[in-house]
Amino acid sequence: MSMVKVAAVQMRSDGDMSANIEALSRMVGEAAAQGAQYVQTPENTGIIQNDRALYRASLHAEQDDPVVREASVLARRHGIHLHIGSTPIKLESGLIANRAFVFAPDGSKITTYDKIHMFDVDLDNGESWRESDTISAGDRAVVAELPFMKLGLAICYDIRFPQLFQAQANAGANVISAPAAFTRQTGEAHWHILQRARAIENGAFLISAAQGGLHNGNRQTYGHTIIVSPWGKVLAEADHDNPAVIYADIDVADSAVARNKIPNLKNAREFKLETIVAEGETIKV
């Protein structure tokens, strides 16, 4: 089977985890009712909370996490593969994992992925982020072999590191993902081109569910949940920042077609890099 109906859920999670779980349940149910076999949710599905004390107080270990528990129930109830883009998980170390989950139609957990690349940046207008202050970075890339796709897992800022997706494609991934909570500032500048570039470079479908809108009155995310073909065509998009579900019927075999047309993965070569200083030039550091 190469044809599959996929759905991506755009959310506006806030500091109320119970309300976020209600929204998750409703929107996943909507996607399943429309025939989606694979449903993806955004980064930080369970909670977005800028107050660190309240944030930490809301978190749970994986075995006790209500988002994880509800996702398993939803996958089983609707008979779907459910990909929670991420939700924060409390670790014994005192740090937090920004962790993705993939569940099978029987509710069992297929795999997890912890976000590798930390969003430690200083943007314009005083906007600054230091994920590494609270998040424990992952060190393991993941490709999940589902019955109808080989799915590469990533989260948000990972989209800016093409080597991660190339490694997944070389391992057989024909669908890649980067569920996100992109800031409005970076989303307006780079969201679409990064999503399409990763799909084109790897000859893979790309599915990225996103957070959108104003969270807790003081954080704004870009939205624009998107599904892209291996040729870089936008197949579906939530062209706004409101909660929504988008759909696409994809033929996973199109990944192999695109890779045969442009075999850049096969044509890649190792090389050495040299820095040449022209004679008589002065290098200023």
Protein backbone atom coordinates (compact mmCIF):
# COMPACT_ATOMS: atom_id res chain seq x y z
CA MET A 1 0.00 0.00 0.00
CA SER A 2 1.52 3.29 -1.09
CA MET A 3 -1.52 5.61 -0.85
CA VAL A 4 -2.29 7.01 2.58
CA LYS A 5 -4.43 9.83 3.93
CA VAL A 6 -2.48 11.98 6.37
CA ALA A 7 -3.59 14.80 8.64
CA ALA A 8 -1.74 17.50 10.55
CA VAL A 9 -3.31 19.29 13.51
CA GLN A 10 -2.67 22.99 14.18
CA MET A 11 -3.14 23.84 17.86
CA ARG A 12 -2.98 26.83 20.20
CA SER A 13 -1.81 25.15 23.38
CA ASP A 14 -1.47 27.22 26.54
CA GLY A 15 -0.72 26.69 30.22
CA ASP A 16 -3.85 24.60 30.89
CA MET A 17 -2.86 21.01 30.11
CA SER A 18 -6.39 19.66 30.62
CA ALA A 19 -7.80 22.11 28.06
CA ASN A 20 -5.00 21.24 25.64
CA ILE A 21 -5.80 17.54 25.99
CA GLU A 22 -9.48 18.27 25.28
CA ALA A 23 -8.47 20.12 22.11
CA LEU A 24 -6.13 17.27 21.16
CA SER A 25 -8.89 14.69 21.60
CA ARG A 26 -11.43 16.71 19.60
CA MET A 27 -9.14 17.49 16.68
CA VAL A 28 -7.65 14.01 16.41
CA GLY A 29 -11.20 12.65 16.42
CA GLU A 30 -12.09 15.05 13.61
CA ALA A 31 -9.09 13.89 11.57
CA ALA A 32 -9.93 10.23 12.09
CA ALA A 33 -13.55 10.84 11.11
CA GLN A 34 -12.28 12.24 7.81
CA GLY A 35 -10.40 9.01 7.16
CA ALA A 36 -6.86 9.98 8.15
CA GLN A 37 -4.66 6.96 8.83
CA TYR A 38 -1.77 9.01 10.18
CA VAL A 39 -2.33 12.10 12.35
CA GLN A 40 0.39 14.47 13.56
CA THR A 41 0.19 17.15 16.26
CA PRO A 42 2.60 20.05 16.91
CA GLU A 43 5.54 20.58 19.21
CA ASN A 44 4.52 21.25 22.83
CA THR A 45 1.10 19.69 22.31
CA GLY A 46 0.60 19.29 26.04
CA ILE A 47 1.56 22.73 27.31
CA ILE A 48 3.02 26.12 26.43
CA GLN A 49 3.80 28.05 29.57
CA ASN A 50 6.39 30.81 29.88
CA ASP A 51 6.32 30.94 33.69
CA ARG A 52 9.07 28.45 34.55
CA ALA A 53 7.75 27.60 38.01
CA LEU A 54 4.24 26.89 36.69
CA TYR A 55 5.71 25.02 33.73
CA ARG A 56 7.77 22.68 35.88
CA ALA A 57 4.90 22.12 38.29
CA SER A 58 2.70 20.93 35.40
CA LEU A 59 5.07 18.26 34.08
CA HIS A 60 5.12 14.50 34.62
CA ALA A 61 7.37 11.52 34.05
CA GLU A 62 6.51 9.66 30.86
CA GLN A 63 4.66 6.84 32.61
CA ASP A 64 2.41 9.35 34.39
CA ASP A 65 1.97 11.93 31.65
CA PRO A 66 -1.70 12.60 30.79
CA VAL A 67 -0.91 13.60 27.19
CA VAL A 68 0.90 10.33 26.59
CA ARG A 69 -1.94 8.41 28.20
CA GLU A 70 -4.61 10.21 26.15
CA ALA A 71 -2.64 9.78 22.91
CA SER A 72 -2.49 6.02 23.42
CA VAL A 73 -6.25 5.95 24.04
CA LEU A 74 -6.95 8.07 20.94
CA ALA A 75 -4.79 5.90 18.67
CA ARG A 76 -6.61 2.78 19.86
CA ARG A 77 -10.07 4.35 19.80
CA HIS A 78 -9.72 5.58 16.22
CA GLY A 79 -7.45 2.83 14.87
CA ILE A 80 -4.84 5.30 13.61
CA HIS A 81 -1.13 5.96 13.80
CA LEU A 82 -0.87 9.02 16.03
CA HIS A 83 2.29 11.13 16.10
CA ILE A 84 2.46 13.55 19.02
CA GLY A 85 4.87 16.16 17.63
CA SER A 86 6.22 16.64 21.13
CA THR A 87 5.22 17.17 24.71
CA PRO A 88 7.54 18.01 27.63
CA ILE A 89 8.49 15.09 29.85
CA LYS A 90 10.06 15.39 33.31
CA LEU A 91 13.34 13.51 33.66
CA GLU A 92 14.98 12.14 36.82
CA SER A 93 17.92 14.50 36.17
CA GLY A 94 15.68 17.49 36.87
CA LEU A 95 15.81 18.55 33.23
CA ILE A 96 13.04 18.11 30.69
CA ALA A 97 12.84 16.11 27.46
CA ASN A 98 11.10 17.72 24.49
CA ARG A 99 9.82 14.33 23.37
CA ALA A 100 7.87 13.11 20.35
CA PHE A 101 5.77 9.94 20.46
CA VAL A 102 4.40 7.64 17.76
CA PHE A 103 1.54 5.30 18.68
CA ALA A 104 0.17 2.31 16.76
CA PRO A 105 -3.54 1.68 16.08
CA ASP A 106 -3.65 -0.68 19.06
CA GLY A 107 -2.47 2.12 21.35
CA SER A 108 1.03 0.76 21.85
CA LYS A 109 4.00 3.09 21.73
CA ILE A 110 6.12 2.50 18.63
CA THR A 111 8.94 4.92 19.42
CA THR A 112 9.96 8.25 20.91
CA TYR A 113 12.35 10.97 19.79
CA ASP A 114 13.96 13.69 21.93
CA LYS A 115 14.68 16.99 20.17
CA ILE A 116 18.39 17.15 19.33
CA HIS A 117 19.00 20.81 18.51
CA MET A 118 18.33 23.42 21.19
CA PHE A 119 16.82 26.77 20.25
CA ASP A 120 19.38 29.06 21.91
CA VAL A 121 19.06 32.32 19.97
CA ASP A 122 18.82 36.09 20.28
CA LEU A 123 16.36 37.59 17.80
CA ASP A 124 15.47 41.16 16.93
CA ASN A 125 13.36 43.34 19.25
CA GLY A 126 14.76 41.68 22.37
CA GLU A 127 13.25 38.24 21.73
CA SER A 128 15.60 35.66 23.25
CA TRP A 129 15.38 31.91 23.84
CA ARG A 130 17.58 29.47 25.81
CA GLU A 131 16.08 26.01 25.53
CA SER A 132 19.24 24.38 26.85
CA ASP A 133 18.61 25.98 30.26
CA THR A 134 15.76 23.55 30.87
CA ILE A 135 15.74 20.98 28.04
CA SER A 136 17.98 17.92 27.86
CA ALA A 137 19.08 17.58 24.23
CA GLY A 138 18.60 14.22 22.52
CA ASP A 139 21.42 12.41 20.77
CA ARG A 140 19.50 9.82 18.71
CA ALA A 141 17.95 10.24 15.27
CA VAL A 142 14.89 8.08 14.57
CA VAL A 143 13.14 6.58 11.55
CA ALA A 144 9.89 4.78 12.40
CA GLU A 145 8.85 2.04 9.96
CA LEU A 146 5.06 2.20 9.74
CA PRO A 147 3.03 -0.10 7.47
CA PHE A 148 2.62 2.63 4.84
CA MET A 149 5.67 4.90 5.32
CA LYS A 150 9.14 5.21 6.78
CA LEU A 151 8.85 8.28 8.96
CA GLY A 152 11.77 10.48 10.00
CA LEU A 153 11.19 12.28 13.29
CA ALA A 154 12.38 15.79 14.10
CA ILE A 155 11.11 18.79 16.08
CA CYS A 156 10.95 22.50 15.19
CA TYR A 157 14.52 23.97 15.28
CA ASP A 158 15.83 20.65 13.91
CA ILE A 159 14.51 21.82 10.51
CA ARG A 160 17.58 24.11 10.22
CA PHE A 161 19.98 21.14 10.32
CA PRO A 162 19.76 19.40 6.94
CA GLN A 163 22.25 16.70 7.89
CA LEU A 164 19.65 15.18 10.24
CA PHE A 165 17.12 14.73 7.45
CA GLN A 166 19.75 13.50 4.99
CA ALA A 167 20.72 10.79 7.46
CA GLN A 168 17.07 9.79 7.78
CA ALA A 169 16.59 9.73 3.99
CA ASN A 170 19.70 7.61 3.57
CA ALA A 171 18.22 5.23 6.14
CA GLY A 172 15.09 4.89 3.98
CA ALA A 173 12.75 7.60 5.27
CA ASN A 174 10.27 8.62 2.56
CA VAL A 175 8.30 10.95 4.86
CA ILE A 176 10.04 13.44 7.14
CA SER A 177 8.56 15.71 9.77
CA ALA A 178 9.28 18.80 11.84
CA PRO A 179 6.28 19.56 14.07
CA ALA A 180 6.90 22.98 15.52
CA ALA A 181 6.13 25.97 17.70
CA PHE A 182 7.93 28.45 15.44
CA THR A 183 8.04 32.03 16.63
CA ARG A 184 6.10 34.45 14.45
CA GLN A 185 9.31 36.37 13.70
CA THR A 186 11.26 33.36 12.43
CA GLY A 187 8.20 31.81 10.81
CA GLU A 188 7.48 34.85 8.66
CA ALA A 189 11.10 34.86 7.51
CA HIS A 190 11.93 31.19 7.00
CA TRP A 191 9.13 28.67 7.65
CA HIS A 192 8.02 27.91 4.10
CA ILE A 193 11.44 27.87 2.46
CA LEU A 194 12.90 25.57 5.12
CA GLN A 195 10.01 23.10 4.88
CA ARG A 196 10.12 22.95 1.09
CA ALA A 197 13.91 22.80 0.98
CA ARG A 198 14.08 19.78 3.30
CA ALA A 199 11.46 17.97 1.20
CA ILE A 200 13.26 18.72 -2.08
CA GLU A 201 16.74 17.89 -0.79
CA ASN A 202 15.63 14.49 0.42
CA GLY A 203 13.01 13.57 -2.17
CA ALA A 204 10.58 12.99 0.70
CA PHE A 205 7.15 14.08 1.76
CA LEU A 206 7.31 16.54 4.65
CA ILE A 207 4.58 16.95 7.27
CA SER A 208 4.91 19.68 9.90
CA ALA A 209 2.06 20.39 12.30
CA ALA A 210 2.44 23.74 14.07
CA GLN A 211 1.33 25.80 17.01
CA GLY A 212 -0.34 29.06 16.00
CA GLY A 213 -1.48 32.28 17.58
CA LEU A 214 -1.15 33.98 20.96
CA HIS A 215 -0.37 31.74 23.93
CA ASN A 216 -0.89 32.88 27.54
CA GLY A 217 -1.08 36.47 26.33
CA ASN A 218 2.67 36.80 25.81
CA ARG A 219 3.97 34.30 23.25
CA GLN A 220 3.09 34.24 19.58
CA THR A 221 3.66 31.35 17.18
CA TYR A 222 3.41 31.34 13.41
CA GLY A 223 1.03 28.50 12.55
CA HIS A 224 0.97 27.59 8.83
CA THR A 225 0.87 23.82 9.36
CA ILE A 226 2.05 22.33 6.09
CA ILE A 227 2.32 19.18 3.97
CA VAL A 228 4.85 19.21 1.11
CA SER A 229 5.50 16.73 -1.72
CA PRO A 230 8.94 15.28 -2.57
CA TRP A 231 9.05 17.70 -5.52
CA GLY A 232 8.51 20.68 -3.21
CA LYS A 233 4.83 21.29 -3.98
CA VAL A 234 2.69 22.46 -1.07
CA LEU A 235 -0.11 19.89 -0.94
CA ALA A 236 -1.96 21.41 2.00
CA GLU A 237 -1.48 24.35 4.33
CA ALA A 238 -3.31 26.09 7.15
CA ASP A 239 -2.67 29.56 5.78
CA HIS A 240 -3.20 31.26 9.15
CA ASP A 241 -2.49 30.77 12.85
CA ASN A 242 -5.88 29.49 14.05
CA PRO A 243 -6.55 25.91 15.23
CA ALA A 244 -7.26 23.68 12.23
CA VAL A 245 -6.75 20.26 10.69
CA ILE A 246 -5.29 19.86 7.20
CA TYR A 247 -5.27 16.75 5.01
CA ALA A 248 -3.51 15.24 2.03
CA ASP A 249 -3.75 11.96 0.16
CA ILE A 250 -0.15 11.03 -0.54
CA ASP A 251 1.36 8.29 -2.66
CA VAL A 252 4.49 7.34 -0.77
CA ALA A 253 5.90 5.79 -3.97
CA ASP A 254 6.33 9.35 -5.26
CA SER A 255 9.38 9.64 -3.02
CA ALA A 256 11.21 6.99 -5.07
CA VAL A 257 10.10 8.71 -8.29
CA ALA A 258 11.55 12.04 -7.14
CA ARG A 259 14.80 10.42 -6.00
CA ASN A 260 15.20 8.70 -9.37
CA LYS A 261 14.75 12.01 -11.19
CA ILE A 262 17.20 13.89 -8.95
CA PRO A 263 19.50 11.29 -7.35
CA ASN A 264 21.40 13.74 -5.15
CA LEU A 265 21.42 11.33 -2.20
CA LYS A 266 23.21 8.74 -4.35
CA ASN A 267 25.46 11.32 -5.96
CA ALA A 268 26.75 12.81 -2.71
CA ARG A 269 30.52 12.50 -2.26
CA GLU A 270 32.97 12.91 0.58
CA PHE A 271 35.35 15.83 0.19
CA LYS A 272 38.00 17.73 2.06
CA LEU A 273 37.88 21.44 2.78
CA GLU A 274 40.85 23.74 2.44
CA THR A 275 41.11 27.42 3.39
CA ILE A 276 43.57 29.23 1.13
CA VAL A 277 45.20 32.49 2.18
CA ALA A 278 46.37 34.57 -0.76
CA GLU A 279 50.08 35.38 -0.61
CA GLY A 280 50.72 38.78 0.93
CA GLU A 281 47.21 39.11 2.38
CA THR A 282 46.62 39.90 6.04
CA ILE A 283 43.92 37.97 7.85
CA LYS A 284 42.01 40.01 10.44
CA VAL A 285 40.34 38.09 13.23
